[in-house]
Amino acid sequence: MNVLKIISFSLAILGAPLFLVISALALIAFHSVDINLSVVVIEMSRLAETPLLLSLPLFIFAGTLLSESRAPERILMLSRVFLGWLPGGLAVVSLAVCAVFTAFTGASGVTIFALGGLLLPALVKDGYNERFSMGLITSSGSLGLLFPPSLPIIIYGVVSETRIDHLFLAGILPGLLMLVLLMTYSVYKGPKHNKSQSFSRKEALHVLRTAAWELPLPFIILGGIYGGFFVASEAAAVTCLYVLIVEVLIYRDITVKELPRIMAKSMVLFGGILVILAASMASTNYLIDQEVPNRIFEFISGYIDSKYTFLLLLNVFLLVVGAMLDIFSALVLVVPLILPIAEAYGIDPIHLGIIFLTNLQIGYCTPPVGLNLFLASYRFDKPIVELYRSTMPFLGLLLITLVIITYFPWLSSVLIEIFG
């Protein structure tokens, strides 16, 4: 037993994959209470048969196809024509494009690498301060995680056994609130001279024709699900097939020969998520069997009797988690532990999910170890300390939206009441 503990601790210290550490800890926990270790295999089999899990590989493949194509350039061109005439138009365009792209790819790192090289020179050329521009791109790299068909939303739904269509609706208004606040600040901080371009009907028609096949994507997903035509997994299949046809056969940005490489790349990501999920769900069984969440709640409730105080402490905890772990690992590790405690305080699981995702999204750009900071430092070839300074104003605005989202739950529920 002690040998197993030493091995698992050594794995963590040596930087072994997270699923190995979680699996080792789960096996140790089950062995310590004489539970048959076959429960781990059973849990993995049960997880593989979860219908909602089918949507993950399909959305991941569709997002990878989009990131490998020229879709980012077309979306940027479209947004610039229709929003570029606004004061601070290019900053507004940058935020909107990053949000849309992250929603479909599900990874902020992809957004920073795919769009950072396009947006930073354009913003600087348009008169924006370089530090401001780097802060905007770094902060907006994870801005779309609350919008459908975000992968973290799907994972939270699988782990918490919450309806994904409701989670998709719940994230829209909080996500828009973040966008509006950041856009307002960007307009205020933009260059005082007006370099916004005039709206051109001819150019608008041109970019509409150029991006015509990618424009229907949000409507296919949202319209299909809430119009009652198909469920989330079917929406993923339709989206995947549509993107495949558009990018390979219509735009021809991707050749048939490249498909095996792209498919392998996307399935490696899905495989990592699946293994972490399986190991985590096995650990969750142990926690539930030993009534660990109940014990934690009894301990916490002895000191905290208000759910608002609990939410405040939860936000602080999740910001730290979001800065230390990637969002997928954080979700599968922390949600099973916190969800029963939050429900005991009367917090709705869907509202909790939006709070979770908002915190983890902000954690990506929270110093000193937020993942986006390091990715942006590498992408822009700038010292990490400079990225700390550039993201601070945006981080402050994101924290304000976090407070609003946390203490005004109707933002997460109103669309569900109308359309759900």
Protein backbone atom coordinates (compact mmCIF):
# COMPACT_ATOMS: atom_id res chain seq x y z
CA MET A 1 0.00 0.00 0.00
CA ASN A 2 2.75 2.45 0.96
CA VAL A 3 4.62 1.42 -2.18
CA LEU A 4 1.59 2.39 -4.31
CA LYS A 5 1.41 5.79 -2.62
CA ILE A 6 5.10 6.38 -3.25
CA ILE A 7 4.69 5.37 -6.91
CA SER A 8 1.71 7.71 -7.47
CA PHE A 9 3.51 10.58 -5.75
CA SER A 10 6.61 9.93 -7.86
CA LEU A 11 4.49 9.92 -11.04
CA ALA A 12 3.12 13.36 -10.18
CA ILE A 13 6.56 14.78 -9.34
CA LEU A 14 8.09 13.41 -12.55
CA GLY A 15 5.40 15.05 -14.66
CA ALA A 16 3.55 11.90 -15.72
CA PRO A 17 0.28 12.33 -17.65
CA LEU A 18 -2.58 13.42 -15.42
CA PHE A 19 -4.70 10.33 -16.13
CA LEU A 20 -1.94 8.07 -14.76
CA VAL A 21 -1.77 10.02 -11.50
CA ILE A 22 -5.58 10.09 -11.11
CA SER A 23 -5.87 6.39 -11.97
CA ALA A 24 -3.16 5.47 -9.47
CA LEU A 25 -4.86 7.49 -6.74
CA ALA A 26 -8.23 5.88 -7.57
CA LEU A 27 -6.75 2.38 -7.38
CA ILE A 28 -5.09 3.19 -4.04
CA ALA A 29 -8.36 4.60 -2.69
CA PHE A 30 -10.40 1.55 -3.76
CA HIS A 31 -7.79 -0.84 -2.40
CA SER A 32 -7.75 0.96 0.95
CA VAL A 33 -11.47 0.28 1.51
CA ASP A 34 -11.51 -3.21 0.00
CA ILE A 35 -13.58 -2.29 -3.07
CA ASN A 36 -13.17 -4.61 -6.07
CA LEU A 37 -10.84 -2.88 -8.54
CA SER A 38 -13.00 -4.05 -11.46
CA VAL A 39 -15.19 -1.02 -10.71
CA VAL A 40 -12.65 1.09 -12.62
CA VAL A 41 -13.12 -1.01 -15.78
CA ILE A 42 -16.90 -0.94 -15.32
CA GLU A 43 -16.81 2.84 -14.99
CA MET A 44 -14.77 3.21 -18.18
CA SER A 45 -17.23 0.96 -20.04
CA ARG A 46 -20.21 2.95 -18.72
CA LEU A 47 -18.59 6.22 -19.74
CA ALA A 48 -17.90 4.95 -23.27
CA GLU A 49 -21.62 4.20 -23.67
CA THR A 50 -22.74 7.68 -22.57
CA PRO A 51 -24.79 9.13 -25.48
CA LEU A 52 -23.70 12.72 -24.77
CA LEU A 53 -20.05 11.70 -25.14
CA LEU A 54 -20.62 11.03 -28.84
CA SER A 55 -20.78 14.76 -29.51
CA LEU A 56 -17.24 15.40 -28.21
CA PRO A 57 -15.10 13.74 -30.94
CA LEU A 58 -17.35 15.12 -33.66
CA PHE A 59 -17.20 18.71 -32.42
CA ILE A 60 -13.44 18.37 -31.85
CA PHE A 61 -12.94 17.14 -35.43
CA ALA A 62 -15.09 19.96 -36.82
CA GLY A 63 -13.16 22.53 -34.78
CA THR A 64 -9.82 21.12 -35.92
CA LEU A 65 -10.92 21.29 -39.54
CA LEU A 66 -11.90 24.94 -39.11
CA SER A 67 -8.61 25.81 -37.44
CA GLU A 68 -6.60 24.12 -40.21
CA SER A 69 -8.52 25.89 -42.98
CA ARG A 70 -8.68 29.55 -43.96
CA ALA A 71 -11.87 30.00 -41.94
CA PRO A 72 -10.17 32.38 -39.42
CA GLU A 73 -9.20 34.74 -42.24
CA ARG A 74 -12.71 34.69 -43.73
CA ILE A 75 -14.35 35.29 -40.34
CA LEU A 76 -11.93 38.14 -39.66
CA MET A 77 -12.59 39.73 -43.06
CA LEU A 78 -16.36 39.40 -42.59
CA SER A 79 -16.29 40.90 -39.10
CA ARG A 80 -14.05 43.76 -40.17
CA VAL A 81 -16.40 44.79 -42.98
CA PHE A 82 -19.53 44.69 -40.82
CA LEU A 83 -18.02 46.00 -37.55
CA GLY A 84 -14.96 47.93 -38.70
CA TRP A 85 -16.92 51.15 -39.19
CA LEU A 86 -17.62 51.36 -35.44
CA PRO A 87 -15.38 53.50 -33.18
CA GLY A 88 -12.63 51.14 -32.08
CA GLY A 89 -13.87 48.86 -34.83
CA LEU A 90 -10.80 46.65 -35.17
CA ALA A 91 -10.67 45.92 -31.43
CA VAL A 92 -14.39 45.05 -31.50
CA VAL A 93 -13.73 42.80 -34.51
CA SER A 94 -10.83 41.10 -32.73
CA LEU A 95 -12.94 40.29 -29.67
CA ALA A 96 -15.85 38.99 -31.74
CA VAL A 97 -13.68 36.82 -33.99
CA CYS A 98 -11.72 35.33 -31.06
CA ALA A 99 -14.97 34.51 -29.25
CA VAL A 100 -16.51 32.79 -32.28
CA PHE A 101 -13.33 30.89 -33.12
CA THR A 102 -12.78 29.68 -29.54
CA ALA A 103 -16.40 28.53 -29.31
CA PHE A 104 -15.88 26.21 -32.28
CA THR A 105 -12.34 25.03 -31.60
CA GLY A 106 -12.75 24.79 -27.81
CA ALA A 107 -9.15 25.71 -27.06
CA SER A 108 -7.87 29.21 -26.40
CA GLY A 109 -4.32 28.26 -27.39
CA VAL A 110 -5.49 27.50 -30.92
CA THR A 111 -7.15 30.93 -31.08
CA ILE A 112 -4.02 32.78 -29.95
CA PHE A 113 -1.80 30.94 -32.43
CA ALA A 114 -4.27 31.02 -35.34
CA LEU A 115 -5.39 34.64 -34.98
CA GLY A 116 -2.64 36.32 -32.95
CA GLY A 117 -0.32 36.67 -35.93
CA LEU A 118 -3.13 38.28 -37.96
CA LEU A 119 -4.59 40.54 -35.29
CA LEU A 120 -1.56 41.98 -33.46
CA PRO A 121 0.10 43.65 -36.49
CA ALA A 122 -3.31 44.90 -37.68
CA LEU A 123 -4.15 46.46 -34.30
CA VAL A 124 -0.73 48.14 -34.00
CA LYS A 125 -0.97 49.44 -37.57
CA ASP A 126 -4.43 50.81 -36.77
CA GLY A 127 -2.96 52.94 -33.96
CA TYR A 128 -3.54 50.72 -30.93
CA ASN A 129 -0.85 50.52 -28.27
CA GLU A 130 1.12 47.26 -28.54
CA ARG A 131 0.67 46.41 -24.87
CA PHE A 132 -3.08 47.00 -25.13
CA SER A 133 -3.24 44.84 -28.28
CA MET A 134 -1.38 41.93 -26.68
CA GLY A 135 -3.61 42.13 -23.60
CA LEU A 136 -6.74 42.14 -25.74
CA ILE A 137 -5.72 39.08 -27.78
CA THR A 138 -4.44 37.16 -24.76
CA SER A 139 -7.60 37.84 -22.73
CA SER A 140 -9.99 37.12 -25.58
CA GLY A 141 -8.28 33.83 -26.43
CA SER A 142 -10.66 31.99 -24.10
CA LEU A 143 -13.61 34.35 -24.47
CA GLY A 144 -15.82 31.96 -26.42
CA LEU A 145 -15.86 29.10 -23.92
CA LEU A 146 -19.37 30.04 -22.75
CA PHE A 147 -20.83 29.96 -26.27
CA PRO A 148 -22.11 26.80 -27.98
CA PRO A 149 -20.76 24.39 -29.11
CA SER A 150 -17.95 24.89 -26.57
CA LEU A 151 -16.25 21.60 -25.61
CA PRO A 152 -15.93 22.53 -21.90
CA ILE A 153 -19.71 23.03 -21.74
CA ILE A 154 -20.22 19.52 -23.11
CA ILE A 155 -17.70 18.05 -20.67
CA TYR A 156 -19.35 19.79 -17.72
CA GLY A 157 -22.68 18.38 -18.90
CA VAL A 158 -21.26 14.84 -19.09
CA VAL A 159 -19.54 15.02 -15.69
CA SER A 160 -22.46 16.68 -13.88
CA GLU A 161 -25.15 14.78 -15.83
CA THR A 162 -26.79 18.11 -16.71
CA ARG A 163 -28.68 18.84 -19.94
CA ILE A 164 -26.23 20.19 -22.50
CA ASP A 165 -28.90 22.08 -24.46
CA HIS A 166 -29.75 24.00 -21.27
CA LEU A 167 -26.07 24.70 -20.64
CA PHE A 168 -25.71 26.04 -24.18
CA LEU A 169 -28.55 28.49 -23.51
CA ALA A 170 -27.27 29.39 -20.05
CA GLY A 171 -23.88 30.52 -21.35
CA ILE A 172 -25.11 32.93 -24.03
CA LEU A 173 -26.01 36.00 -21.92
CA PRO A 174 -23.00 35.73 -19.54
CA GLY A 175 -20.75 35.36 -22.58
CA LEU A 176 -22.32 38.39 -24.26
CA LEU A 177 -21.90 40.40 -21.05
CA MET A 178 -18.16 39.69 -21.11
CA LEU A 179 -17.97 40.66 -24.77
CA VAL A 180 -19.87 43.93 -24.29
CA LEU A 181 -17.74 45.05 -21.32
CA LEU A 182 -14.48 44.28 -23.10
CA MET A 183 -15.71 45.94 -26.30
CA THR A 184 -16.75 49.07 -24.38
CA TYR A 185 -13.34 49.29 -22.74
CA SER A 186 -11.60 48.70 -26.08
CA VAL A 187 -13.56 51.53 -27.72
CA TYR A 188 -12.65 53.82 -24.81
CA LYS A 189 -8.95 52.92 -24.95
CA GLY A 190 -8.73 52.95 -28.75
CA PRO A 191 -6.82 55.57 -30.74
CA LYS A 192 -8.43 59.00 -30.46
CA HIS A 193 -8.11 59.69 -34.16
CA ASN A 194 -10.84 58.01 -36.11
CA LYS A 195 -9.44 55.32 -38.38
CA SER A 196 -12.62 53.35 -38.58
CA GLN A 197 -13.44 52.37 -42.12
CA SER A 198 -16.66 53.37 -43.82
CA PHE A 199 -19.23 50.70 -44.52
CA SER A 200 -19.13 49.54 -48.14
CA ARG A 201 -22.10 47.67 -49.52
CA LYS A 202 -20.03 46.29 -52.38
CA GLU A 203 -17.38 44.94 -50.00
CA ALA A 204 -20.08 43.58 -47.69
CA LEU A 205 -21.61 41.56 -50.52
CA HIS A 206 -18.17 40.27 -51.47
CA VAL A 207 -17.29 39.00 -47.97
CA LEU A 208 -20.78 37.54 -47.56
CA ARG A 209 -20.24 35.51 -50.72
CA THR A 210 -16.74 34.53 -49.54
CA ALA A 211 -17.91 33.27 -46.13
CA ALA A 212 -21.39 32.22 -47.24
CA TRP A 213 -20.85 28.54 -46.48
CA GLU A 214 -19.53 29.12 -42.94
CA LEU A 215 -22.19 31.62 -41.84
CA PRO A 216 -24.93 28.98 -41.31
CA LEU A 217 -22.88 27.02 -38.73
CA PRO A 218 -24.30 28.68 -35.54
CA PHE A 219 -27.81 28.39 -36.94
CA ILE A 220 -27.36 24.71 -37.76
CA ILE A 221 -26.30 23.98 -34.17
CA LEU A 222 -28.65 26.24 -32.21
CA GLY A 223 -31.57 26.14 -34.63
CA GLY A 224 -31.34 22.38 -34.96
CA ILE A 225 -31.24 21.71 -31.22
CA TYR A 226 -33.81 24.27 -30.04
CA GLY A 227 -35.99 23.80 -33.10
CA GLY A 228 -36.39 20.19 -32.02
CA PHE A 229 -34.80 18.74 -35.16
CA PHE A 230 -32.00 16.88 -33.38
CA VAL A 231 -30.28 16.40 -30.02
CA ALA A 232 -26.73 17.52 -29.16
CA SER A 233 -25.01 14.37 -30.48
CA GLU A 234 -26.96 14.56 -33.76
CA ALA A 235 -26.14 18.27 -34.03
CA ALA A 236 -22.46 17.36 -33.67
CA ALA A 237 -22.72 14.80 -36.47
CA VAL A 238 -24.49 17.25 -38.80
CA THR A 239 -21.97 20.01 -37.96
CA CYS A 240 -19.01 17.69 -38.57
CA LEU A 241 -20.36 16.52 -41.94
CA TYR A 242 -21.18 20.08 -42.98
CA VAL A 243 -17.73 21.44 -42.08
CA LEU A 244 -16.07 18.49 -43.83
CA ILE A 245 -17.99 19.14 -47.06
CA VAL A 246 -17.45 22.91 -46.92
CA GLU A 247 -13.72 22.95 -46.14
CA VAL A 248 -12.70 19.95 -48.29
CA LEU A 249 -15.06 19.98 -51.27
CA ILE A 250 -16.30 23.58 -51.57
CA TYR A 251 -13.48 25.86 -50.35
CA ARG A 252 -10.82 23.17 -50.85
CA ASP A 253 -8.68 24.66 -48.08
CA ILE A 254 -7.96 21.11 -46.95
CA THR A 255 -7.04 18.28 -49.29
CA VAL A 256 -8.26 14.72 -48.93
CA LYS A 257 -4.65 13.66 -48.24
CA GLU A 258 -4.54 15.93 -45.16
CA LEU A 259 -7.65 14.42 -43.58
CA PRO A 260 -5.92 11.45 -41.88
CA ARG A 261 -3.44 13.82 -40.18
CA ILE A 262 -6.21 16.19 -39.03
CA MET A 263 -8.37 13.32 -37.86
CA ALA A 264 -5.46 11.84 -35.89
CA LYS A 265 -4.70 15.24 -34.34
CA SER A 266 -8.30 15.72 -33.21
CA MET A 267 -8.67 12.18 -31.90
CA VAL A 268 -5.50 12.50 -29.82
CA LEU A 269 -7.17 15.41 -28.02
CA PHE A 270 -10.38 13.42 -27.59
CA GLY A 271 -8.47 10.37 -26.39
CA GLY A 272 -6.74 12.44 -23.73
CA ILE A 273 -10.06 13.87 -22.55
CA LEU A 274 -11.72 10.42 -22.54
CA VAL A 275 -8.96 8.79 -20.47
CA ILE A 276 -8.94 11.67 -17.96
CA LEU A 277 -12.75 11.46 -17.74
CA ALA A 278 -12.68 7.71 -17.13
CA ALA A 279 -10.02 7.95 -14.42
CA SER A 280 -11.80 10.87 -12.79
CA MET A 281 -15.20 9.17 -12.81
CA ALA A 282 -13.66 6.17 -11.07
CA SER A 283 -12.31 8.50 -8.39
CA THR A 284 -15.75 10.11 -8.14
CA ASN A 285 -17.28 6.73 -7.31
CA TYR A 286 -14.91 6.43 -4.38
CA LEU A 287 -15.74 9.94 -3.14
CA ILE A 288 -19.48 9.24 -3.30
CA ASP A 289 -19.10 5.80 -1.67
CA GLN A 290 -17.15 7.31 1.22
CA GLU A 291 -19.54 10.32 1.45
CA VAL A 292 -16.62 12.73 1.08
CA PRO A 293 -18.72 15.63 -0.32
CA ASN A 294 -21.15 15.30 2.59
CA ARG A 295 -18.32 15.40 5.08
CA ILE A 296 -16.83 18.46 3.40
CA PHE A 297 -20.23 20.18 3.42
CA GLU A 298 -20.72 19.43 7.11
CA PHE A 299 -17.29 20.90 7.82
CA ILE A 300 -17.81 24.00 5.65
CA SER A 301 -21.35 24.65 6.87
CA GLY A 302 -20.00 24.82 10.41
CA TYR A 303 -18.17 28.00 9.39
CA ILE A 304 -20.19 29.26 6.40
CA ASP A 305 -23.98 29.37 6.52
CA SER A 306 -24.54 31.71 3.56
CA LYS A 307 -24.45 30.46 0.00
CA TYR A 308 -23.19 33.89 -1.11
CA THR A 309 -20.12 33.59 1.09
CA PHE A 310 -19.63 30.05 -0.20
CA LEU A 311 -19.80 31.34 -3.79
CA LEU A 312 -17.19 33.98 -3.01
CA LEU A 313 -14.76 31.39 -1.63
CA LEU A 314 -15.60 29.04 -4.50
CA ASN A 315 -14.66 31.73 -7.02
CA VAL A 316 -11.29 32.29 -5.36
CA PHE A 317 -10.64 28.54 -5.31
CA LEU A 318 -11.65 28.08 -8.97
CA LEU A 319 -9.51 30.99 -10.15
CA VAL A 320 -6.50 29.28 -8.61
CA VAL A 321 -7.52 25.94 -10.15
CA GLY A 322 -8.05 27.58 -13.55
CA ALA A 323 -4.58 29.11 -13.46
CA MET A 324 -2.92 25.82 -12.44
CA LEU A 325 -4.76 23.23 -14.56
CA ASP A 326 -6.07 23.05 -18.10
CA ILE A 327 -9.84 23.45 -18.27
CA PHE A 328 -10.59 19.80 -19.14
CA SER A 329 -8.62 18.40 -16.21
CA ALA A 330 -10.07 21.01 -13.85
CA LEU A 331 -13.63 20.12 -14.82
CA VAL A 332 -13.32 16.37 -14.38
CA LEU A 333 -11.38 16.66 -11.13
CA VAL A 334 -13.26 19.41 -9.31
CA VAL A 335 -16.89 19.24 -10.51
CA PRO A 336 -17.72 15.86 -8.89
CA LEU A 337 -16.38 17.13 -5.56
CA ILE A 338 -17.98 20.59 -5.56
CA LEU A 339 -21.34 19.84 -7.22
CA PRO A 340 -22.97 18.03 -4.25
CA ILE A 341 -21.73 20.74 -1.85
CA ALA A 342 -23.08 23.53 -4.06
CA GLU A 343 -26.45 21.76 -4.38
CA ALA A 344 -26.59 21.52 -0.58
CA TYR A 345 -26.28 25.32 -0.51
CA GLY A 346 -29.18 25.59 -2.96
CA ILE A 347 -27.11 26.47 -6.04
CA ASP A 348 -28.56 25.29 -9.35
CA PRO A 349 -26.19 22.91 -11.23
CA ILE A 350 -26.58 24.87 -14.48
CA HIS A 351 -25.77 28.18 -12.78
CA LEU A 352 -22.84 26.44 -11.09
CA GLY A 353 -21.63 25.25 -14.49
CA ILE A 354 -21.53 28.79 -15.87
CA ILE A 355 -19.68 29.97 -12.74
CA PHE A 356 -17.21 27.10 -13.17
CA LEU A 357 -16.54 27.85 -16.82
CA THR A 358 -16.26 31.60 -16.24
CA ASN A 359 -13.68 31.07 -13.50
CA LEU A 360 -11.67 28.59 -15.52
CA GLN A 361 -11.84 30.87 -18.55
CA ILE A 362 -10.46 33.78 -16.49
CA GLY A 363 -7.89 31.45 -14.95
CA TYR A 364 -6.31 31.03 -18.39
CA CYS A 365 -5.02 34.61 -18.21
CA THR A 366 -4.51 34.94 -14.44
CA PRO A 367 -0.89 35.54 -13.34
CA PRO A 368 1.49 34.01 -12.54
CA VAL A 369 0.85 30.71 -14.35
CA GLY A 370 -2.24 31.21 -16.54
CA LEU A 371 -1.80 29.13 -19.71
CA ASN A 372 -2.73 31.94 -22.14
CA LEU A 373 0.02 34.14 -20.73
CA PHE A 374 2.71 31.62 -21.63
CA LEU A 375 1.19 30.86 -25.04
CA ALA A 376 0.96 34.56 -25.88
CA SER A 377 4.50 35.16 -24.59
CA TYR A 378 5.75 32.46 -26.97
CA ARG A 379 3.54 33.58 -29.89
CA PHE A 380 4.47 37.28 -29.64
CA ASP A 381 8.06 36.68 -28.48
CA LYS A 382 7.61 38.93 -25.44
CA PRO A 383 8.68 38.49 -21.78
CA ILE A 384 6.00 36.90 -19.62
CA VAL A 385 6.10 39.88 -17.23
CA GLU A 386 5.05 42.16 -20.08
CA LEU A 387 2.04 39.92 -20.70
CA TYR A 388 1.15 40.18 -16.99
CA ARG A 389 0.98 43.96 -17.27
CA SER A 390 -0.89 43.97 -20.58
CA THR A 391 -3.69 41.69 -19.39
CA MET A 392 -4.37 43.36 -16.02
CA PRO A 393 -7.08 45.84 -17.19
CA PHE A 394 -8.90 43.09 -19.10
CA LEU A 395 -8.57 40.73 -16.16
CA GLY A 396 -10.20 43.34 -13.93
CA LEU A 397 -13.19 43.62 -16.28
CA LEU A 398 -13.52 39.85 -16.49
CA LEU A 399 -13.57 39.64 -12.69
CA ILE A 400 -16.37 42.23 -12.61
CA THR A 401 -18.41 40.07 -14.99
CA LEU A 402 -17.65 37.05 -12.81
CA VAL A 403 -19.20 38.81 -9.81
CA ILE A 404 -22.29 39.73 -11.84
CA ILE A 405 -22.67 36.20 -13.22
CA THR A 406 -22.22 34.69 -9.75
CA TYR A 407 -24.72 36.84 -7.86
CA PHE A 408 -27.32 37.36 -10.60
CA PRO A 409 -28.26 33.79 -11.54
CA TRP A 410 -31.14 34.92 -13.77
CA LEU A 411 -28.50 35.72 -16.44
CA SER A 412 -27.94 31.98 -16.72
CA SER A 413 -31.58 30.95 -16.41
CA VAL A 414 -33.68 33.47 -18.31
CA LEU A 415 -33.09 31.98 -21.79
CA ILE A 416 -33.81 28.48 -20.47
CA GLU A 417 -37.15 29.71 -19.12
CA ILE A 418 -37.98 31.24 -22.52
CA PHE A 419 -36.68 28.57 -24.92
CA GLY A 420 -36.03 25.52 -22.74
